[in-house]
C-alpha atoms as a PDB file:
ATOM      1  CA  MET A   1      40.473 -15.937 -15.763  1.00  0.00           C
ATOM      2  CA  ALA A   2      39.654 -12.274 -15.280  1.00  0.00           C
ATOM      3  CA  THR A   3      36.494 -12.590 -17.029  1.00  0.00           C
ATOM      4  CA  ARG A   4      35.447 -15.183 -14.962  1.00  0.00           C
ATOM      5  CA  LEU A   5      36.307 -13.076 -11.747  1.00  0.00           C
ATOM      6  CA  THR A   6      34.298 -10.486 -13.205  1.00  0.00           C
ATOM      7  CA  ASP A   7      31.415 -12.569 -13.706  1.00  0.00           C
ATOM      8  CA  LEU A   8      31.416 -13.628 -10.161  1.00  0.00           C
ATOM      9  CA  THR A   9      31.331 -10.495  -8.872  1.00  0.00           C
ATOM     10  CA  THR A  10      28.618  -9.881 -10.901  1.00  0.00           C
ATOM     11  CA  THR A  11      26.768 -12.502  -9.640  1.00  0.00           C
ATOM     12  CA  ALA A  12      27.533 -11.747  -6.125  1.00  0.00           C
ATOM     13  CA  SER A  13      26.454  -8.100  -6.295  1.00  0.00           C
ATOM     14  CA  GLU A  14      23.209  -9.013  -8.119  1.00  0.00           C
ATOM     15  CA  SER A  15      22.597 -11.707  -5.437  1.00  0.00           C
ATOM     16  CA  GLU A  16      23.327  -9.015  -2.794  1.00  0.00           C
ATOM     17  CA  SER A  17      20.564  -6.456  -4.643  1.00  0.00           C
ATOM     18  CA  LYS A  18      17.932  -9.216  -4.613  1.00  0.00           C
ATOM     19  CA  SER A  19      18.442 -10.029  -0.858  1.00  0.00           C
ATOM     20  CA  ALA A  20      18.349  -6.411   0.247  1.00  0.00           C
ATOM     21  CA  LEU A  21      15.211  -5.980  -2.319  1.00  0.00           C
ATOM     22  CA  GLY A  22      13.455  -8.925  -0.575  1.00  0.00           C
ATOM     23  CA  SER A  23      14.438  -7.468   2.625  1.00  0.00           C
ATOM     24  CA  VAL A  24      12.996  -4.104   1.689  1.00  0.00           C
ATOM     25  CA  ARG A  25       9.680  -5.821   0.689  1.00  0.00           C
ATOM     26  CA  ALA A  26       9.560  -7.625   4.040  1.00  0.00           C
ATOM     27  CA  THR A  27      10.114  -4.662   6.328  1.00  0.00           C
ATOM     28  CA  VAL A  28       8.199  -1.877   4.302  1.00  0.00           C
ATOM     29  CA  VAL A  29       5.913  -3.053   1.316  1.00  0.00           C
ATOM     30  CA  THR A  30       4.071  -6.047   3.347  1.00  0.00           C
ATOM     31  CA  PRO A  31       2.899  -4.071   6.360  1.00  0.00           C
ATOM     32  CA  VAL A  32       1.783  -0.911   4.168  1.00  0.00           C
ATOM     33  CA  THR A  33      -0.074  -3.188   2.048  1.00  0.00           C
ATOM     34  CA  ALA A  34      -1.623  -4.868   5.107  1.00  0.00           C
ATOM     35  CA  VAL A  35      -2.375  -1.487   6.378  1.00  0.00           C
ATOM     36  CA  ALA A  36      -3.921  -0.201   3.194  1.00  0.00           C
ATOM     37  CA  PHE A  37      -6.074  -3.399   2.999  1.00  0.00           C
ATOM     38  CA  TRP A  38      -7.551  -3.188   6.251  1.00  0.00           C
ATOM     39  CA  ALA A  39      -8.039   0.231   6.082  1.00  0.00           C
ATOM     40  CA  ALA A  40      -9.959  -0.077   2.854  1.00  0.00           C
ATOM     41  CA  ILE A  41     -12.372  -2.332   4.650  1.00  0.00           C
ATOM     42  CA  ALA A  42     -12.883   0.180   7.606  1.00  0.00           C
ATOM     43  CA  LEU A  43     -12.949   3.308   5.801  1.00  0.00           C
ATOM     44  CA  PRO A  44     -16.823   2.694   4.519  1.00  0.00           C
ATOM     45  CA  PHE A  45     -17.810   2.268   8.228  1.00  0.00           C
ATOM     46  CA  LEU A  46     -16.661   6.305   8.572  1.00  0.00           C
ATOM     47  CA  TYR A  47     -18.384   7.679   5.498  1.00  0.00           C
ATOM     48  CA  LEU A  48     -21.566   6.115   5.754  1.00  0.00           C
ATOM     49  CA  PRO A  49     -22.304   7.645   8.715  1.00  0.00           C
ATOM     50  CA  LEU A  50     -21.455  10.837   7.456  1.00  0.00           C
ATOM     51  CA  LEU A  51     -23.776  10.565   4.857  1.00  0.00           C
ATOM     52  CA  PHE A  52     -26.933   9.601   6.943  1.00  0.00           C
ATOM     53  CA  LEU A  53     -26.510  11.536   9.820  1.00  0.00           C
ATOM     54  CA  THR A  54     -25.562  14.961   8.071  1.00  0.00           C
ATOM     55  CA  GLY A  55     -26.222  14.366   4.356  1.00  0.00           C
ATOM     56  CA  LEU A  56     -24.128  16.339   2.081  1.00  0.00           C
ATOM     57  CA  SER A  57     -25.793  19.908   2.387  1.00  0.00           C
ATOM     58  CA  SER A  58     -22.463  21.768   3.353  1.00  0.00           C
ATOM     59  CA  GLN A  59     -19.388  22.322   1.448  1.00  0.00           C
ATOM     60  CA  SER A  60     -17.047  21.165   4.168  1.00  0.00           C
ATOM     61  CA  THR A  61     -19.008  17.842   4.267  1.00  0.00           C
ATOM     62  CA  ALA A  62     -19.024  17.010   0.747  1.00  0.00           C
ATOM     63  CA  THR A  63     -15.254  17.676   1.106  1.00  0.00           C
ATOM     64  CA  ALA A  64     -14.835  15.344   3.702  1.00  0.00           C
ATOM     65  CA  PHE A  65     -16.881  12.803   2.092  1.00  0.00           C
ATOM     66  CA  LEU A  66     -15.129  12.903  -1.158  1.00  0.00           C
ATOM     67  CA  ALA A  67     -11.699  13.027   0.928  1.00  0.00           C
ATOM     68  CA  LEU A  68     -12.700   9.719   2.588  1.00  0.00           C
ATOM     69  CA  LEU A  69     -13.928   8.314  -0.736  1.00  0.00           C
ATOM     70  CA  GLY A  70     -10.786   9.095  -2.265  1.00  0.00           C
ATOM     71  CA  LEU A  71      -8.822   7.457   0.390  1.00  0.00           C
ATOM     72  CA  ASN A  72     -10.896   4.562   0.207  1.00  0.00           C
ATOM     73  CA  VAL A  73      -9.987   4.048  -3.420  1.00  0.00           C
ATOM     74  CA  VAL A  74      -6.378   4.528  -2.812  1.00  0.00           C
ATOM     75  CA  ALA A  75      -6.435   2.084   0.018  1.00  0.00           C
ATOM     76  CA  LEU A  76      -8.236  -0.348  -2.131  1.00  0.00           C
ATOM     77  CA  LEU A  77      -5.658   0.133  -4.814  1.00  0.00           C
ATOM     78  CA  VAL A  78      -2.552  -0.193  -2.563  1.00  0.00           C
ATOM     79  CA  GLY A  79      -4.013  -2.833  -0.552  1.00  0.00           C
ATOM     80  CA  HIS A  80      -5.090  -5.229  -3.235  1.00  0.00           C
ATOM     81  CA  PRO A  81      -2.391  -7.568  -3.289  1.00  0.00           C
ATOM     82  CA  TYR A  82      -2.048  -8.504   0.194  1.00  0.00           C
ATOM     83  CA  TYR A  83      -2.953 -11.775   1.247  1.00  0.00           C
ATOM     84  CA  ARG A  84      -2.824 -13.590   4.250  1.00  0.00           C
ATOM     85  CA  GLY A  85      -0.772 -16.695   3.980  1.00  0.00           C
END
C-alpha cells in the first residue's frame, strides 16, 4: 500500500512539472522564438543600406555590420523552430 501511494505521489509531481513546463513554453519560449524569427527576416533590411550607403570604410561601420550580421545569425538559430499554426 505504501508503495502504491509513493507511485501516485510521483506520478502527480511528474504531471505537475510537465504542466509547469508547458506553461513556461507557452508564455516564454513561443514569443521569444516568434520575435527571433521575425527579427531574422527584418535585420537584413538594416545592414544592406549600411553597406550600400557607407561601405565598410571605417572601423565603426565594419563593427556595426559584423554585430548586425552576428545578431542575424543568432536570430536565425533561435527563430528557426517558429511556426504559425
